[in-house]
Amino acid sequence: MSDENAAQGEMPENAVPEVETPEVDPIEALQGENADLKDRLLRSVAEMENLRKRTERDVADTRAYAIAGFARDMLSATDALGRALVMIPAEVREGADGTLKSLIEGIELAEREMQRLLAKHGVTKIEAAGQKFDPHKHQAMFEVPNPNVPEGIVVQVVQEGFAIGERVLRPAMVGVAKGGGAAPAAPADGDGIDKSA
């Protein structure tokens, strides 16, 4: 009976039907795989380069700003020394002798040395007096009505501000002019003569 099925074109029960598979060119397959591997390699190289650059940037930032917290604390101590000196009246300073004179000189020396050490490590004062108010560097404490000074100019510094590199450690606490005219425009040709009339 199985011979009859075979003769009639029927397949035996345990036979697997043949499916036509398209012919794959081995060269094209290898070229496709090669292109895929090349793309993955280039992506990995680019990723490693980005990681290297990011790591270098992080290391540089860490070196530059590692002392920021310590410097901020040192500024508080320096401020305390400055306040101690301000509390001593000028006539007492001038007339001081003996132990009091040594104490005043010691406080002054300690304050100067702390300022020197902060500067040595990249901590710089933020220039504020006479500058245009910059909210990134200055903290406005009050406004000063002054018609002689252009509006928005710092006229009084209550507490010095400091920065380390490009970062602000502590903004300068300032008083800002209010009510003055706009800042005078610089003449275009430099001779100061108004030729528009």
Protein backbone atom coordinates (compact mmCIF):
# COMPACT_ATOMS: atom_id res chain seq x y z
CA MET A 1 0.00 0.00 0.00
CA SER A 2 2.84 2.35 0.64
CA ASP A 3 4.01 1.71 -2.89
CA GLU A 4 0.59 2.72 -4.14
CA ASN A 5 0.72 6.01 -2.17
CA ALA A 6 4.13 6.72 -3.60
CA ALA A 7 2.92 5.96 -7.08
CA GLN A 8 -0.08 8.27 -6.64
CA GLY A 9 2.11 11.16 -5.42
CA GLU A 10 1.03 10.99 -1.82
CA MET A 11 3.64 11.41 0.85
CA PRO A 12 4.32 8.79 3.45
CA GLU A 13 3.13 9.67 6.96
CA ASN A 14 6.60 10.21 8.46
CA ALA A 15 8.04 12.17 5.53
CA VAL A 16 8.87 15.92 5.91
CA PRO A 17 7.64 18.10 3.07
CA GLU A 18 10.41 19.93 1.22
CA VAL A 19 10.09 23.71 1.38
CA GLU A 20 11.89 25.76 -1.17
CA THR A 21 14.39 28.02 0.56
CA PRO A 22 15.71 31.01 -1.33
CA GLU A 23 19.35 30.70 -2.15
CA VAL A 24 21.49 32.98 0.07
CA ASP A 25 24.64 34.20 -1.48
CA PRO A 26 27.39 33.49 1.09
CA ILE A 27 29.37 36.56 -0.02
CA GLU A 28 26.40 38.87 0.55
CA ALA A 29 25.75 37.26 3.95
CA LEU A 30 29.38 37.80 4.99
CA GLN A 31 29.35 41.38 3.72
CA GLY A 32 26.19 42.12 5.72
CA GLU A 33 27.67 40.57 8.84
CA ASN A 34 30.91 42.50 8.25
CA ALA A 35 29.00 45.80 7.93
CA ASP A 36 27.05 45.04 11.13
CA LEU A 37 30.24 44.24 13.05
CA LYS A 38 31.97 47.36 11.70
CA ASP A 39 29.00 49.52 12.81
CA ARG A 40 29.06 47.98 16.29
CA LEU A 41 32.83 48.50 16.52
CA LEU A 42 32.56 52.17 15.51
CA ARG A 43 29.79 52.74 18.05
CA SER A 44 31.87 51.10 20.79
CA VAL A 45 34.92 53.21 19.92
CA ALA A 46 32.82 56.41 19.95
CA GLU A 47 31.26 55.42 23.28
CA MET A 48 34.68 54.77 24.81
CA GLU A 49 35.97 58.14 23.52
CA ASN A 50 32.98 59.93 25.05
CA LEU A 51 33.55 58.10 28.34
CA ARG A 52 37.24 59.07 28.31
CA LYS A 53 36.41 62.75 27.70
CA ARG A 54 33.71 62.75 30.38
CA THR A 55 36.11 61.13 32.87
CA GLU A 56 38.83 63.70 32.08
CA ARG A 57 36.31 66.53 32.58
CA ASP A 58 35.14 65.03 35.89
CA VAL A 59 38.73 64.65 37.12
CA ALA A 60 39.52 68.26 36.15
CA ASP A 61 36.37 69.51 37.92
CA THR A 62 37.22 67.47 41.00
CA ARG A 63 40.74 68.91 41.09
CA ALA A 64 39.50 72.46 40.63
CA TYR A 65 36.53 72.38 42.97
CA ALA A 66 37.42 69.75 45.57
CA ILE A 67 38.21 72.37 48.19
CA ALA A 68 34.98 74.34 47.63
CA GLY A 69 33.34 73.13 50.85
CA PHE A 70 36.49 73.70 52.89
CA ALA A 71 37.00 77.13 51.31
CA ARG A 72 33.41 78.11 52.15
CA ASP A 73 34.06 77.17 55.79
CA MET A 74 37.34 79.10 55.79
CA LEU A 75 35.49 82.18 54.52
CA SER A 76 33.26 82.02 57.61
CA ALA A 77 36.32 81.94 59.85
CA THR A 78 37.94 84.80 57.94
CA ASP A 79 34.74 86.84 58.26
CA ALA A 80 34.75 86.24 62.02
CA LEU A 81 38.30 87.62 62.26
CA GLY A 82 37.29 90.65 60.20
CA ARG A 83 34.27 91.30 62.43
CA ALA A 84 36.49 91.06 65.51
CA LEU A 85 38.73 93.79 64.08
CA VAL A 86 35.78 96.00 63.16
CA MET A 87 34.49 95.83 66.73
CA ILE A 88 37.67 97.46 68.07
CA PRO A 89 37.22 101.26 67.90
CA ALA A 90 39.85 103.18 65.89
CA GLU A 91 40.99 105.20 68.91
CA VAL A 92 41.56 102.00 70.91
CA ARG A 93 43.59 100.54 68.03
CA GLU A 94 45.77 103.63 67.77
CA GLY A 95 46.31 103.88 71.52
CA ALA A 96 46.77 100.15 72.12
CA ASP A 97 49.95 98.98 73.74
CA GLY A 98 51.34 95.82 75.19
CA THR A 99 49.03 92.81 75.18
CA LEU A 100 46.12 94.54 73.43
CA LYS A 101 48.40 95.73 70.61
CA SER A 102 49.78 92.20 70.19
CA LEU A 103 46.26 90.78 70.13
CA ILE A 104 45.12 93.21 67.42
CA GLU A 105 48.24 92.54 65.33
CA GLY A 106 47.74 88.79 65.74
CA ILE A 107 44.13 88.96 64.53
CA GLU A 108 45.18 91.12 61.55
CA LEU A 109 48.00 88.71 60.69
CA ALA A 110 45.70 85.68 60.94
CA GLU A 111 43.11 87.33 58.66
CA ARG A 112 45.75 88.29 56.06
CA GLU A 113 47.23 84.79 56.12
CA MET A 114 43.84 83.15 55.64
CA GLN A 115 43.12 85.47 52.70
CA ARG A 116 46.53 84.62 51.20
CA LEU A 117 45.96 80.88 51.54
CA LEU A 118 42.50 81.11 49.98
CA ALA A 119 43.94 83.06 47.04
CA LYS A 120 46.74 80.50 46.69
CA HIS A 121 44.10 77.81 46.14
CA GLY A 122 42.14 79.75 43.54
CA VAL A 123 39.57 81.50 45.74
CA THR A 124 39.09 85.05 44.46
CA LYS A 125 37.00 88.04 45.54
CA ILE A 126 34.03 88.92 43.40
CA GLU A 127 34.29 92.57 42.35
CA ALA A 128 31.01 94.20 43.26
CA ALA A 129 31.34 97.91 44.11
CA GLY A 130 30.55 100.07 41.08
CA GLN A 131 29.60 97.04 38.96
CA LYS A 132 26.26 96.37 37.30
CA PHE A 133 24.17 94.07 39.50
CA ASP A 134 24.63 90.44 38.41
CA PRO A 135 22.22 87.99 40.11
CA HIS A 136 24.71 85.17 39.50
CA LYS A 137 27.40 86.92 41.55
CA HIS A 138 25.55 89.36 43.78
CA GLN A 139 22.73 89.09 46.29
CA ALA A 140 20.75 92.31 46.61
CA MET A 141 20.06 93.13 50.27
CA PHE A 142 18.47 96.56 49.78
CA GLU A 143 18.01 99.39 47.30
CA VAL A 144 19.65 102.78 47.71
CA PRO A 145 17.78 105.79 46.26
CA ASN A 146 20.49 107.79 44.48
CA PRO A 147 19.69 109.95 41.44
CA ASN A 148 23.40 110.41 40.69
CA VAL A 149 24.08 106.71 40.07
CA PRO A 150 22.50 104.71 37.23
CA GLU A 151 19.87 102.22 38.33
CA GLY A 152 21.13 98.67 38.90
CA ILE A 153 24.69 99.63 39.89
CA VAL A 154 26.11 98.21 43.14
CA VAL A 155 26.74 101.15 45.48
CA GLN A 156 27.45 99.35 48.75
CA VAL A 157 28.98 95.99 49.64
CA VAL A 158 27.72 94.52 52.90
CA GLN A 159 29.68 91.26 52.64
CA GLU A 160 32.35 90.33 50.09
CA GLY A 161 31.57 87.55 47.66
CA PHE A 162 34.03 84.86 46.60
CA ALA A 163 34.41 82.46 43.69
CA ILE A 164 36.59 79.49 42.95
CA GLY A 165 37.28 79.16 39.25
CA GLU A 166 33.98 79.86 37.51
CA ARG A 167 31.83 78.82 40.47
CA VAL A 168 30.48 81.22 43.06
CA LEU A 169 31.29 80.08 46.59
CA ARG A 170 29.37 82.92 48.17
CA PRO A 171 27.61 85.78 46.39
CA ALA A 172 28.47 89.32 47.40
CA MET A 173 25.73 90.86 49.55
CA VAL A 174 25.14 94.31 48.13
CA GLY A 175 23.04 97.47 48.08
CA VAL A 176 21.89 98.46 44.60
CA ALA A 177 21.16 101.97 43.28
CA LYS A 178 17.54 102.81 42.56
CA GLY A 179 16.04 105.79 40.81
CA GLY A 180 19.07 107.03 38.89
CA GLY A 181 18.97 107.49 35.16
CA ALA A 182 20.13 104.90 32.72
CA ALA A 183 23.83 104.33 32.45
CA PRO A 184 25.38 106.89 30.08
CA ALA A 185 26.04 105.48 26.64
CA ALA A 186 29.60 105.65 25.41
CA PRO A 187 30.06 107.85 22.34
CA ALA A 188 30.33 105.83 19.14
CA ASP A 189 33.20 107.75 17.61
CA GLY A 190 35.00 108.44 20.88
CA ASP A 191 35.11 112.26 20.65
CA GLY A 192 32.12 112.85 22.95
CA ILE A 193 30.40 115.28 20.58
CA ASP A 194 26.71 114.72 19.88
CA LYS A 195 26.37 115.04 16.11
CA SER A 196 22.69 114.09 15.98
CA ALA A 197 21.43 117.70 16.48
